[in-house]
Amino acid sequence: MADRSPVLRIITSAARESLKPLGLAQRGRSRLWIDDHEWWLGVVEFTPPRTAGSGLYVGAMWLWHDVDHLAFHVDAVRTGPEPFRTEDQFTPLAVELSRQAAANVTALREKFPALPDVARYLTSRPVRRGFLWDSFDAGIAAALTGDPATARDHFERVLREDPLAPWMVQAQEKARELHVIAPDRDAVTAWVTRAVGSCRRKLRLDPVTAAIS
């Protein structure tokens, strides 16, 4: 297997040129870059293939999930992988990947400029049985934007799923709690604010004080 260290160095250099001017931050020395919007993240991963090289994965993460790892709750693009053979061969490929990443980060920002846009997107997606988080996210977004009837409908879909794993049981416990408070927008906002704050701490992100909007 080829040495991966030149791959990471080349990717990092290319990403700094394309992503840093947009305000994204690299996660340590990893292949991950973060576009921080306080209650949601744009996540860029220059995904490693089985052999040396890189692909690209860009998506959005809702921090109300309150987890200790980065996740893709809305996928924007998946590209590659591009193989590494030599530095001269791979460098222009890395530059192109980083430019694609920048374009897709910009597209995510344009897609989700504010909470109402997120709510419209999440609540308009076709219902997919078995995709519990789709309904969970749509319910939260609807409740946050003052649509308790739609919120409760989506939470009820979560509750109708068969809880086949512990994480599903936990998701349903949250959905049940949110179903009760859905008509109280302030209570839902407080719930989400706590979850976002907890998630940011787990991800070692700076605390924020701005209201969800």
N, C-alpha and C. Protein backbone atom coordinates (compact mmCIF):
# COMPACT_ATOMS: atom_id res chain seq x y z
N MET A 1 0.85 -1.19 0.00
CA MET A 1 0.00 0.00 0.00
C MET A 1 0.88 1.24 0.00
N ALA A 2 0.50 2.26 -0.79
CA ALA A 2 1.30 3.47 -0.87
C ALA A 2 1.23 4.26 0.43
N ASP A 3 2.27 5.03 0.65
CA ASP A 3 2.33 5.85 1.85
C ASP A 3 1.22 6.90 1.82
N ARG A 4 0.41 6.96 2.88
CA ARG A 4 -0.72 7.89 2.90
C ARG A 4 -0.31 9.30 3.32
N SER A 5 0.84 9.49 3.93
CA SER A 5 1.18 10.81 4.44
C SER A 5 1.27 11.87 3.36
N PRO A 6 1.85 11.60 2.17
CA PRO A 6 1.82 12.63 1.14
C PRO A 6 0.41 12.93 0.66
N VAL A 7 -0.47 11.93 0.69
CA VAL A 7 -1.86 12.15 0.30
C VAL A 7 -2.52 13.18 1.21
N LEU A 8 -2.39 12.97 2.52
CA LEU A 8 -3.00 13.90 3.47
C LEU A 8 -2.39 15.29 3.34
N ARG A 9 -1.09 15.36 3.15
CA ARG A 9 -0.43 16.67 3.00
C ARG A 9 -0.95 17.41 1.77
N ILE A 10 -1.09 16.69 0.65
CA ILE A 10 -1.58 17.32 -0.58
C ILE A 10 -3.04 17.75 -0.44
N ILE A 11 -3.87 16.87 0.15
CA ILE A 11 -5.29 17.20 0.36
C ILE A 11 -5.42 18.42 1.27
N THR A 12 -4.66 18.44 2.35
CA THR A 12 -4.73 19.55 3.30
C THR A 12 -4.34 20.85 2.64
N SER A 13 -3.28 20.82 1.84
CA SER A 13 -2.84 22.02 1.15
C SER A 13 -3.92 22.53 0.19
N ALA A 14 -4.52 21.62 -0.57
CA ALA A 14 -5.57 22.00 -1.52
C ALA A 14 -6.81 22.52 -0.80
N ALA A 15 -7.17 21.85 0.30
CA ALA A 15 -8.36 22.26 1.05
C ALA A 15 -8.17 23.64 1.69
N ARG A 16 -6.98 23.91 2.15
CA ARG A 16 -6.73 25.24 2.73
C ARG A 16 -6.95 26.34 1.70
N GLU A 17 -6.60 26.06 0.46
CA GLU A 17 -6.79 27.06 -0.59
C GLU A 17 -8.27 27.30 -0.91
N SER A 18 -9.07 26.23 -0.85
CA SER A 18 -10.47 26.34 -1.26
C SER A 18 -11.45 26.52 -0.11
N LEU A 19 -11.18 25.89 1.04
CA LEU A 19 -12.15 25.87 2.12
C LEU A 19 -11.89 26.90 3.21
N LYS A 20 -10.62 27.16 3.48
CA LYS A 20 -10.32 28.12 4.54
C LYS A 20 -10.87 29.51 4.23
N PRO A 21 -10.78 30.00 2.99
CA PRO A 21 -11.38 31.32 2.70
C PRO A 21 -12.88 31.37 2.94
N LEU A 22 -13.55 30.22 2.91
CA LEU A 22 -14.99 30.18 3.18
C LEU A 22 -15.30 30.12 4.68
N GLY A 23 -14.25 30.02 5.50
CA GLY A 23 -14.45 29.98 6.94
C GLY A 23 -14.50 28.60 7.54
N LEU A 24 -14.23 27.56 6.75
CA LEU A 24 -14.23 26.20 7.29
C LEU A 24 -12.97 25.95 8.11
N ALA A 25 -13.09 25.04 9.07
CA ALA A 25 -11.96 24.69 9.93
C ALA A 25 -11.67 23.21 9.81
N GLN A 26 -10.39 22.89 9.74
CA GLN A 26 -9.98 21.49 9.69
C GLN A 26 -10.04 20.88 11.09
N ARG A 27 -10.48 19.64 11.17
CA ARG A 27 -10.52 18.93 12.46
C ARG A 27 -9.15 18.33 12.72
N GLY A 28 -8.36 19.04 13.52
CA GLY A 28 -7.01 18.57 13.81
C GLY A 28 -6.21 18.44 12.54
N ARG A 29 -5.63 17.26 12.34
CA ARG A 29 -4.88 16.99 11.11
C ARG A 29 -5.58 15.94 10.28
N SER A 30 -6.89 15.89 10.40
CA SER A 30 -7.67 14.85 9.73
C SER A 30 -8.08 15.29 8.33
N ARG A 31 -8.87 14.43 7.69
CA ARG A 31 -9.43 14.72 6.37
C ARG A 31 -10.79 15.42 6.49
N LEU A 32 -11.18 15.81 7.68
CA LEU A 32 -12.48 16.42 7.94
C LEU A 32 -12.38 17.93 8.07
N TRP A 33 -13.34 18.63 7.45
CA TRP A 33 -13.45 20.08 7.56
C TRP A 33 -14.88 20.42 7.95
N ILE A 34 -15.03 21.46 8.79
CA ILE A 34 -16.33 21.80 9.38
C ILE A 34 -16.74 23.22 8.97
N ASP A 35 -18.00 23.33 8.54
CA ASP A 35 -18.63 24.62 8.29
C ASP A 35 -19.66 24.83 9.39
N ASP A 36 -19.34 25.66 10.37
CA ASP A 36 -20.10 25.75 11.62
C ASP A 36 -21.20 26.80 11.53
N HIS A 37 -22.46 26.35 11.65
CA HIS A 37 -23.62 27.24 11.64
C HIS A 37 -24.35 27.20 13.00
N GLU A 38 -23.63 26.92 14.04
CA GLU A 38 -24.10 26.94 15.42
C GLU A 38 -25.00 25.75 15.76
N TRP A 39 -26.14 25.59 15.11
CA TRP A 39 -27.02 24.47 15.42
C TRP A 39 -26.99 23.39 14.34
N TRP A 40 -26.24 23.65 13.27
CA TRP A 40 -25.98 22.62 12.29
C TRP A 40 -24.60 22.82 11.70
N LEU A 41 -24.06 21.77 11.13
CA LEU A 41 -22.73 21.80 10.53
C LEU A 41 -22.79 21.37 9.08
N GLY A 42 -21.99 22.03 8.26
CA GLY A 42 -21.63 21.44 6.97
C GLY A 42 -20.38 20.61 7.21
N VAL A 43 -20.39 19.37 6.78
CA VAL A 43 -19.27 18.46 7.03
C VAL A 43 -18.66 18.04 5.70
N VAL A 44 -17.36 18.25 5.59
CA VAL A 44 -16.61 17.83 4.40
C VAL A 44 -15.63 16.75 4.82
N GLU A 45 -15.68 15.62 4.15
CA GLU A 45 -14.72 14.55 4.41
C GLU A 45 -14.06 14.12 3.10
N PHE A 46 -12.75 14.22 3.08
CA PHE A 46 -11.99 13.69 1.95
C PHE A 46 -11.75 12.22 2.25
N THR A 47 -12.69 11.40 1.83
CA THR A 47 -12.77 10.02 2.30
C THR A 47 -11.63 9.17 1.76
N PRO A 48 -10.97 8.41 2.64
CA PRO A 48 -9.90 7.52 2.17
C PRO A 48 -10.47 6.27 1.52
N PRO A 49 -10.01 5.89 0.34
CA PRO A 49 -10.41 4.62 -0.25
C PRO A 49 -9.60 3.49 0.35
N ARG A 50 -9.78 2.30 -0.18
CA ARG A 50 -9.05 1.15 0.36
C ARG A 50 -7.55 1.26 0.09
N THR A 51 -7.21 1.88 -1.02
CA THR A 51 -5.81 2.16 -1.29
C THR A 51 -5.60 3.66 -1.22
N ALA A 52 -4.38 4.12 -1.37
CA ALA A 52 -4.08 5.55 -1.21
C ALA A 52 -4.85 6.38 -2.23
N GLY A 53 -5.25 7.56 -1.79
CA GLY A 53 -6.00 8.47 -2.64
C GLY A 53 -7.08 9.14 -1.82
N SER A 54 -8.13 9.63 -2.48
CA SER A 54 -9.21 10.28 -1.74
C SER A 54 -10.46 10.38 -2.58
N GLY A 55 -11.60 10.28 -1.89
CA GLY A 55 -12.88 10.64 -2.45
C GLY A 55 -13.35 11.90 -1.74
N LEU A 56 -14.62 12.23 -1.90
CA LEU A 56 -15.18 13.43 -1.28
C LEU A 56 -16.61 13.14 -0.86
N TYR A 57 -16.94 13.56 0.36
CA TYR A 57 -18.29 13.38 0.89
C TYR A 57 -18.64 14.68 1.61
N VAL A 58 -19.74 15.32 1.19
CA VAL A 58 -20.17 16.59 1.78
C VAL A 58 -21.63 16.46 2.20
N GLY A 59 -21.95 16.92 3.40
CA GLY A 59 -23.33 16.85 3.86
C GLY A 59 -23.57 17.74 5.05
N ALA A 60 -24.79 17.70 5.57
CA ALA A 60 -25.18 18.52 6.72
C ALA A 60 -25.46 17.63 7.93
N MET A 61 -25.14 18.16 9.10
CA MET A 61 -25.39 17.46 10.36
C MET A 61 -26.22 18.36 11.26
N TRP A 62 -27.33 17.83 11.79
CA TRP A 62 -28.16 18.58 12.74
C TRP A 62 -27.67 18.27 14.15
N LEU A 63 -27.25 19.30 14.86
CA LEU A 63 -26.64 19.09 16.17
C LEU A 63 -27.64 18.76 17.27
N TRP A 64 -28.94 18.82 16.97
CA TRP A 64 -29.93 18.41 17.98
C TRP A 64 -29.90 16.90 18.20
N HIS A 65 -29.13 16.16 17.40
CA HIS A 65 -28.99 14.72 17.64
C HIS A 65 -28.15 14.43 18.88
N ASP A 66 -27.36 15.40 19.30
CA ASP A 66 -26.59 15.29 20.56
C ASP A 66 -25.76 14.00 20.59
N VAL A 67 -24.85 13.86 19.62
CA VAL A 67 -23.95 12.71 19.56
C VAL A 67 -22.51 13.18 19.69
N ASP A 68 -21.60 12.23 19.88
CA ASP A 68 -20.21 12.58 20.10
C ASP A 68 -19.33 12.36 18.87
N HIS A 69 -19.97 12.25 17.70
CA HIS A 69 -19.23 12.02 16.46
C HIS A 69 -19.90 12.80 15.34
N LEU A 70 -19.14 13.11 14.32
CA LEU A 70 -19.70 13.79 13.16
C LEU A 70 -20.55 12.81 12.36
N ALA A 71 -21.61 13.33 11.76
CA ALA A 71 -22.52 12.47 11.00
C ALA A 71 -23.05 13.24 9.79
N PHE A 72 -23.58 12.51 8.84
CA PHE A 72 -24.20 13.10 7.66
C PHE A 72 -25.70 12.82 7.71
N HIS A 73 -26.48 13.81 8.10
CA HIS A 73 -27.93 13.65 8.15
C HIS A 73 -28.59 14.05 6.84
N VAL A 74 -27.93 14.92 6.10
CA VAL A 74 -28.36 15.25 4.73
C VAL A 74 -27.12 15.18 3.86
N ASP A 75 -27.14 14.30 2.88
CA ASP A 75 -26.00 14.14 1.99
C ASP A 75 -26.11 15.12 0.82
N ALA A 76 -25.02 15.80 0.54
CA ALA A 76 -25.03 16.72 -0.58
C ALA A 76 -24.34 16.12 -1.81
N VAL A 77 -23.19 15.49 -1.59
CA VAL A 77 -22.46 14.96 -2.74
C VAL A 77 -21.50 13.87 -2.28
N ARG A 78 -21.30 12.92 -3.14
CA ARG A 78 -20.27 11.90 -2.93
C ARG A 78 -19.51 11.78 -4.26
N THR A 79 -18.19 11.92 -4.19
CA THR A 79 -17.36 11.93 -5.39
C THR A 79 -16.15 11.02 -5.19
N GLY A 80 -15.69 10.45 -6.28
CA GLY A 80 -14.45 9.70 -6.22
C GLY A 80 -14.68 8.21 -6.01
N PRO A 81 -13.64 7.49 -5.57
CA PRO A 81 -12.35 8.04 -5.13
C PRO A 81 -11.37 8.29 -6.28
N GLU A 82 -10.43 9.19 -6.02
CA GLU A 82 -9.33 9.44 -6.94
C GLU A 82 -8.09 8.73 -6.41
N PRO A 83 -7.41 7.94 -7.24
CA PRO A 83 -6.25 7.19 -6.74
C PRO A 83 -4.99 8.04 -6.64
N PHE A 84 -4.12 7.65 -5.74
CA PHE A 84 -2.80 8.27 -5.64
C PHE A 84 -1.76 7.33 -6.24
N ARG A 85 -1.05 7.86 -7.22
CA ARG A 85 0.07 7.11 -7.78
C ARG A 85 1.38 7.84 -7.53
N THR A 86 1.38 9.12 -7.90
CA THR A 86 2.53 9.97 -7.63
C THR A 86 2.02 11.32 -7.17
N GLU A 87 2.88 12.10 -6.55
CA GLU A 87 2.47 13.43 -6.10
C GLU A 87 2.06 14.31 -7.28
N ASP A 88 2.82 14.25 -8.36
CA ASP A 88 2.49 15.09 -9.52
C ASP A 88 1.14 14.70 -10.13
N GLN A 89 0.86 13.40 -10.13
CA GLN A 89 -0.42 12.94 -10.68
C GLN A 89 -1.59 13.30 -9.78
N PHE A 90 -1.39 13.18 -8.43
CA PHE A 90 -2.51 13.34 -7.50
C PHE A 90 -2.81 14.80 -7.16
N THR A 91 -1.82 15.67 -7.23
CA THR A 91 -2.02 17.06 -6.80
C THR A 91 -3.17 17.75 -7.55
N PRO A 92 -3.21 17.71 -8.89
CA PRO A 92 -4.36 18.36 -9.55
C PRO A 92 -5.70 17.72 -9.22
N LEU A 93 -5.70 16.42 -8.94
CA LEU A 93 -6.95 15.75 -8.54
C LEU A 93 -7.41 16.27 -7.19
N ALA A 94 -6.46 16.45 -6.27
CA ALA A 94 -6.81 16.98 -4.94
C ALA A 94 -7.32 18.41 -5.05
N VAL A 95 -6.73 19.19 -5.92
CA VAL A 95 -7.19 20.57 -6.13
C VAL A 95 -8.62 20.57 -6.64
N GLU A 96 -8.91 19.69 -7.58
CA GLU A 96 -10.27 19.62 -8.13
C GLU A 96 -11.26 19.14 -7.07
N LEU A 97 -10.88 18.15 -6.26
CA LEU A 97 -11.76 17.70 -5.18
C LEU A 97 -12.06 18.84 -4.21
N SER A 98 -11.05 19.60 -3.86
CA SER A 98 -11.25 20.69 -2.90
C SER A 98 -12.14 21.78 -3.49
N ARG A 99 -12.03 22.01 -4.78
CA ARG A 99 -12.91 22.99 -5.43
C ARG A 99 -14.35 22.50 -5.45
N GLN A 100 -14.51 21.20 -5.70
CA GLN A 100 -15.86 20.62 -5.63
C GLN A 100 -16.42 20.74 -4.22
N ALA A 101 -15.56 20.51 -3.23
CA ALA A 101 -16.00 20.62 -1.84
C ALA A 101 -16.49 22.04 -1.56
N ALA A 102 -15.74 23.03 -2.01
CA ALA A 102 -16.12 24.43 -1.79
C ALA A 102 -17.46 24.73 -2.46
N ALA A 103 -17.64 24.23 -3.68
CA ALA A 103 -18.89 24.47 -4.39
C ALA A 103 -20.07 23.83 -3.68
N ASN A 104 -19.86 22.64 -3.12
CA ASN A 104 -20.95 21.96 -2.43
C ASN A 104 -21.23 22.55 -1.06
N VAL A 105 -20.22 23.08 -0.39
CA VAL A 105 -20.45 23.81 0.85
C VAL A 105 -21.30 25.05 0.57
N THR A 106 -20.96 25.76 -0.50
CA THR A 106 -21.74 26.95 -0.88
C THR A 106 -23.18 26.57 -1.21
N ALA A 107 -23.35 25.44 -1.89
CA ALA A 107 -24.71 24.99 -2.22
C ALA A 107 -25.51 24.66 -0.96
N LEU A 108 -24.87 24.03 0.03
CA LEU A 108 -25.55 23.74 1.29
C LEU A 108 -25.96 25.03 2.00
N ARG A 109 -25.08 26.01 2.01
CA ARG A 109 -25.40 27.28 2.64
C ARG A 109 -26.60 27.94 1.96
N GLU A 110 -26.65 27.84 0.65
CA GLU A 110 -27.78 28.44 -0.10
C GLU A 110 -29.06 27.65 0.12
N LYS A 111 -28.92 26.36 0.35
CA LYS A 111 -30.10 25.50 0.57
C LYS A 111 -30.69 25.71 1.96
N PHE A 112 -29.82 25.94 2.94
CA PHE A 112 -30.26 26.06 4.34
C PHE A 112 -29.82 27.38 4.96
N PRO A 113 -30.27 28.51 4.42
CA PRO A 113 -29.84 29.79 4.99
C PRO A 113 -30.45 30.09 6.35
N ALA A 114 -31.60 29.50 6.65
CA ALA A 114 -32.28 29.77 7.92
C ALA A 114 -33.19 28.59 8.26
N LEU A 115 -33.65 28.57 9.51
CA LEU A 115 -34.47 27.47 10.01
C LEU A 115 -35.71 27.19 9.16
N PRO A 116 -36.47 28.20 8.71
CA PRO A 116 -37.65 27.89 7.89
C PRO A 116 -37.31 27.12 6.62
N ASP A 117 -36.14 27.40 6.03
CA ASP A 117 -35.72 26.68 4.82
C ASP A 117 -35.42 25.22 5.15
N VAL A 118 -34.79 25.00 6.30
CA VAL A 118 -34.53 23.63 6.76
C VAL A 118 -35.85 22.89 6.98
N ALA A 119 -36.79 23.56 7.65
CA ALA A 119 -38.09 22.93 7.94
C ALA A 119 -38.83 22.58 6.65
N ARG A 120 -38.83 23.49 5.68
CA ARG A 120 -39.51 23.19 4.41
C ARG A 120 -38.88 21.98 3.73
N TYR A 121 -37.56 21.92 3.75
CA TYR A 121 -36.87 20.79 3.12
C TYR A 121 -37.20 19.48 3.83
N LEU A 122 -37.06 19.48 5.16
CA LEU A 122 -37.22 18.23 5.91
C LEU A 122 -38.65 17.72 5.88
N THR A 123 -39.62 18.61 5.96
CA THR A 123 -41.02 18.17 6.00
C THR A 123 -41.58 17.83 4.62
N SER A 124 -40.89 18.21 3.56
CA SER A 124 -41.39 17.94 2.21
C SER A 124 -40.80 16.67 1.60
N ARG A 125 -39.83 16.05 2.30
CA ARG A 125 -39.24 14.82 1.76
C ARG A 125 -40.26 13.68 1.80
N PRO A 126 -40.21 12.80 0.81
CA PRO A 126 -41.11 11.63 0.83
C PRO A 126 -40.84 10.79 2.08
N VAL A 127 -41.92 10.27 2.66
CA VAL A 127 -41.78 9.43 3.84
C VAL A 127 -41.20 8.08 3.44
N ARG A 128 -40.15 7.66 4.13
CA ARG A 128 -39.52 6.36 3.85
C ARG A 128 -39.60 5.52 5.11
N ARG A 129 -40.39 4.48 5.05
CA ARG A 129 -40.53 3.61 6.23
C ARG A 129 -39.18 2.99 6.56
N GLY A 130 -38.82 3.01 7.84
CA GLY A 130 -37.54 2.49 8.27
C GLY A 130 -36.49 3.57 8.43
N PHE A 131 -36.74 4.76 7.87
CA PHE A 131 -35.81 5.87 8.01
C PHE A 131 -36.30 6.78 9.14
N LEU A 132 -36.13 6.27 10.33
CA LEU A 132 -36.67 6.92 11.53
C LEU A 132 -36.19 8.35 11.68
N TRP A 133 -34.91 8.60 11.39
CA TRP A 133 -34.36 9.94 11.62
C TRP A 133 -34.96 10.98 10.69
N ASP A 134 -35.42 10.57 9.51
CA ASP A 134 -36.08 11.53 8.62
C ASP A 134 -37.27 12.18 9.33
N SER A 135 -38.11 11.34 9.92
CA SER A 135 -39.30 11.86 10.60
C SER A 135 -38.92 12.60 11.88
N PHE A 136 -37.92 12.12 12.60
CA PHE A 136 -37.46 12.78 13.82
C PHE A 136 -37.00 14.21 13.51
N ASP A 137 -36.17 14.36 12.49
CA ASP A 137 -35.65 15.69 12.14
C ASP A 137 -36.76 16.59 11.64
N ALA A 138 -37.66 16.04 10.82
CA ALA A 138 -38.77 16.85 10.31
C ALA A 138 -39.67 17.32 11.44
N GLY A 139 -39.90 16.45 12.42
CA GLY A 139 -40.72 16.84 13.56
C GLY A 139 -40.11 17.97 14.35
N ILE A 140 -38.82 17.90 14.60
CA ILE A 140 -38.15 18.97 15.34
C ILE A 140 -38.22 20.28 14.56
N ALA A 141 -37.90 20.23 13.28
CA ALA A 141 -37.91 21.46 12.48
C ALA A 141 -39.30 22.08 12.42
N ALA A 142 -40.32 21.24 12.27
CA ALA A 142 -41.69 21.76 12.22
C ALA A 142 -42.08 22.39 13.55
N ALA A 143 -41.73 21.75 14.66
CA ALA A 143 -42.05 22.30 15.99
C ALA A 143 -41.33 23.62 16.22
N LEU A 144 -40.09 23.70 15.79
CA LEU A 144 -39.32 24.93 15.97
C LEU A 144 -39.88 26.10 15.17
N THR A 145 -40.53 25.80 14.07
CA THR A 145 -41.09 26.87 13.23
C THR A 145 -42.58 27.08 13.48
N GLY A 146 -43.09 26.52 14.57
CA GLY A 146 -44.47 26.81 14.96
C GLY A 146 -45.53 26.05 14.22
N ASP A 147 -45.24 24.80 13.85
CA ASP A 147 -46.22 23.96 13.17
C ASP A 147 -46.38 22.66 13.96
N PRO A 148 -47.08 22.73 15.10
CA PRO A 148 -47.16 21.55 15.97
C PRO A 148 -47.90 20.37 15.36
N ALA A 149 -48.88 20.62 14.50
CA ALA A 149 -49.62 19.51 13.90
C ALA A 149 -48.71 18.67 13.01
N THR A 150 -47.92 19.35 12.18
CA THR A 150 -46.98 18.62 11.33
C THR A 150 -45.92 17.93 12.18
N ALA A 151 -45.46 18.64 13.21
CA ALA A 151 -44.45 18.07 14.10
C ALA A 151 -44.96 16.77 14.73
N ARG A 152 -46.16 16.81 15.28
CA ARG A 152 -46.70 15.62 15.93
C ARG A 152 -46.91 14.48 14.95
N ASP A 153 -47.31 14.80 13.74
CA ASP A 153 -47.48 13.77 12.73
C ASP A 153 -46.16 13.03 12.49
N HIS A 154 -45.08 13.78 12.41
CA HIS A 154 -43.77 13.16 12.17
C HIS A 154 -43.28 12.40 13.40
N PHE A 155 -43.51 12.95 14.59
CA PHE A 155 -43.11 12.23 15.80
C PHE A 155 -43.89 10.92 15.94
N GLU A 156 -45.16 10.94 15.55
CA GLU A 156 -45.96 9.72 15.61
C GLU A 156 -45.42 8.65 14.66
N ARG A 157 -44.88 9.09 13.53
CA ARG A 157 -44.26 8.12 12.61
C ARG A 157 -43.04 7.48 13.27
N VAL A 158 -42.28 8.27 14.01
CA VAL A 158 -41.14 7.72 14.74
C VAL A 158 -41.62 6.67 15.73
N LEU A 159 -42.69 6.98 16.42
CA LEU A 159 -43.20 6.08 17.47
C LEU A 159 -43.82 4.81 16.90
N ARG A 160 -44.21 4.84 15.63
CA ARG A 160 -44.79 3.63 15.01
C ARG A 160 -43.73 2.64 14.53
N GLU A 161 -42.47 3.08 14.50
CA GLU A 161 -41.41 2.18 14.06
C GLU A 161 -41.17 1.08 15.10
N ASP A 162 -40.79 -0.10 14.66
CA ASP A 162 -40.43 -1.19 15.57
C ASP A 162 -39.07 -0.88 16.21
N PRO A 163 -38.99 -0.74 17.53
CA PRO A 163 -37.71 -0.41 18.17
C PRO A 163 -36.80 -1.63 18.26
N LEU A 164 -36.08 -1.89 17.19
CA LEU A 164 -35.30 -3.12 17.08
C LEU A 164 -33.90 -3.00 17.68
N ALA A 165 -33.52 -1.81 18.10
CA ALA A 165 -32.18 -1.60 18.65
C ALA A 165 -32.26 -0.55 19.75
N PRO A 166 -31.32 -0.54 20.68
CA PRO A 166 -31.35 0.43 21.78
C PRO A 166 -31.40 1.88 21.31
N TRP A 167 -30.71 2.20 20.20
CA TRP A 167 -30.72 3.58 19.74
C TRP A 167 -32.11 3.99 19.26
N MET A 168 -32.90 3.01 18.78
CA MET A 168 -34.26 3.31 18.35
C MET A 168 -35.15 3.58 19.56
N VAL A 169 -34.94 2.82 20.62
CA VAL A 169 -35.68 3.05 21.86
C VAL A 169 -35.40 4.46 22.38
N GLN A 170 -34.13 4.87 22.36
CA GLN A 170 -33.76 6.21 22.83
C GLN A 170 -34.37 7.29 21.94
N ALA A 171 -34.35 7.05 20.62
CA ALA A 171 -34.95 8.03 19.70
C ALA A 171 -36.44 8.17 19.96
N GLN A 172 -37.11 7.06 20.24
CA GLN A 172 -38.54 7.12 20.51
C GLN A 172 -38.84 7.80 21.84
N GLU A 173 -37.97 7.64 22.81
CA GLU A 173 -38.15 8.35 24.07
C GLU A 173 -38.09 9.86 23.84
N LYS A 174 -37.15 10.30 23.02
CA LYS A 174 -37.04 11.72 22.70
C LYS A 174 -38.26 12.18 21.91
N ALA A 175 -38.67 11.37 20.94
CA ALA A 175 -39.82 11.74 20.13
C ALA A 175 -41.09 11.86 20.97
N ARG A 176 -41.24 10.96 21.95
CA ARG A 176 -42.41 10.99 22.83
C ARG A 176 -42.41 12.29 23.66
N GLU A 177 -41.24 12.66 24.15
CA GLU A 177 -41.13 13.90 24.93
C GLU A 177 -41.43 15.12 24.04
N LEU A 178 -40.90 15.11 22.84
CA LEU A 178 -41.12 16.24 21.94
C LEU A 178 -42.57 16.29 21.45
N HIS A 179 -43.19 15.15 21.30
CA HIS A 179 -44.60 15.11 20.90
C HIS A 179 -45.46 15.84 21.92
N VAL A 180 -45.15 15.67 23.19
CA VAL A 180 -45.92 16.31 24.25
C VAL A 180 -45.77 17.83 24.21
N ILE A 181 -44.54 18.30 24.00
CA ILE A 181 -44.29 19.74 24.09
C ILE A 181 -44.37 20.44 22.73
N ALA A 182 -44.70 19.73 21.67
CA ALA A 182 -44.69 20.31 20.32
C ALA A 182 -45.48 21.61 20.19
N PRO A 183 -46.66 21.77 20.87
CA PRO A 183 -47.40 23.02 20.73
C PRO A 183 -46.72 24.22 21.42
N ASP A 184 -45.76 23.94 22.28
CA ASP A 184 -45.07 25.01 23.03
C ASP A 184 -43.73 25.28 22.35
N ARG A 185 -43.71 26.25 21.46
CA ARG A 185 -42.50 26.53 20.67
C ARG A 185 -41.31 26.88 21.56
N ASP A 186 -41.56 27.62 22.62
CA ASP A 186 -40.47 28.00 23.52
C ASP A 186 -39.87 26.77 24.20
N ALA A 187 -40.73 25.83 24.58
CA ALA A 187 -40.24 24.61 25.23
C ALA A 187 -39.42 23.77 24.26
N VAL A 188 -39.87 23.68 23.01
CA VAL A 188 -39.12 22.93 22.01
C VAL A 188 -37.78 23.61 21.74
N THR A 189 -37.80 24.93 21.64
CA THR A 189 -36.54 25.67 21.42
C THR A 189 -35.57 25.43 22.56
N ALA A 190 -36.08 25.43 23.80
CA ALA A 190 -35.21 25.18 24.96
C ALA A 190 -34.65 23.76 24.90
N TRP A 191 -35.48 22.79 24.53
CA TRP A 191 -35.03 21.39 24.42
C TRP A 191 -33.92 21.28 23.38
N VAL A 192 -34.15 21.87 22.22
CA VAL A 192 -33.16 21.80 21.14
C VAL A 192 -31.88 22.54 21.53
N THR A 193 -32.03 23.68 22.18
CA THR A 193 -30.85 24.45 22.60
C THR A 193 -29.98 23.64 23.54
N ARG A 194 -30.60 22.92 24.47
CA ARG A 194 -29.83 22.06 25.38
C ARG A 194 -29.12 20.95 24.61
N ALA A 195 -29.84 20.33 23.68
CA ALA A 195 -29.25 19.24 22.91
C ALA A 195 -28.08 19.73 22.06
N VAL A 196 -28.27 20.88 21.43
CA VAL A 196 -27.20 21.45 20.60
C VAL A 196 -25.98 21.79 21.45
N GLY A 197 -26.22 22.40 22.61
CA GLY A 197 -25.11 22.75 23.49
C GLY A 197 -24.35 21.51 23.94
N SER A 198 -25.07 20.46 24.27
CA SER A 198 -24.44 19.21 24.69
C SER A 198 -23.64 18.60 23.55
N CYS A 199 -24.21 18.60 22.35
CA CYS A 199 -23.52 18.04 21.19
C CYS A 199 -22.25 18.81 20.88
N ARG A 200 -22.33 20.13 20.97
CA ARG A 200 -21.15 20.95 20.69
C ARG A 200 -20.03 20.65 21.69
N ARG A 201 -20.40 20.43 22.94
CA ARG A 201 -19.37 20.08 23.94
C ARG A 201 -18.74 18.73 23.59
N LYS A 202 -19.56 17.76 23.23
CA LYS A 202 -19.04 16.43 22.90
C LYS A 202 -18.12 16.47 21.68
N LEU A 203 -18.42 17.37 20.74
CA LEU A 203 -17.61 17.49 19.54
C LEU A 203 -16.45 18.47 19.70
N ARG A 204 -16.34 19.02 20.92
CA ARG A 204 -15.27 19.98 21.22
C ARG A 204 -15.35 21.21 20.31
N LEU A 205 -16.57 21.68 20.10
CA LEU A 205 -16.80 22.91 19.36
C LEU A 205 -17.02 24.05 20.35
N ASP A 206 -16.70 25.25 19.96
CA ASP A 206 -16.88 26.41 20.83
C ASP A 206 -18.36 26.56 21.20
N PRO A 207 -18.64 26.96 22.43
CA PRO A 207 -20.04 27.20 22.82
C PRO A 207 -20.61 28.40 22.07
N VAL A 208 -21.92 28.40 21.88
CA VAL A 208 -22.58 29.51 21.22
C VAL A 208 -23.72 30.00 22.09
N THR A 209 -24.05 31.26 21.96
CA THR A 209 -25.14 31.84 22.74
C THR A 209 -26.30 32.32 21.87
N ALA A 210 -26.11 32.31 20.55
CA ALA A 210 -27.16 32.80 19.66
C ALA A 210 -28.37 31.87 19.67
N ALA A 211 -29.55 32.47 19.53
CA ALA A 211 -30.78 31.68 19.50
C ALA A 211 -30.87 30.91 18.19
N ILE A 212 -31.57 29.78 18.21
CA ILE A 212 -31.80 29.02 17.00
C ILE A 212 -32.75 29.79 16.10
N SER A 213 -32.34 30.02 14.87
CA SER A 213 -33.18 30.79 13.95
C SER A 213 -32.87 30.43 12.52
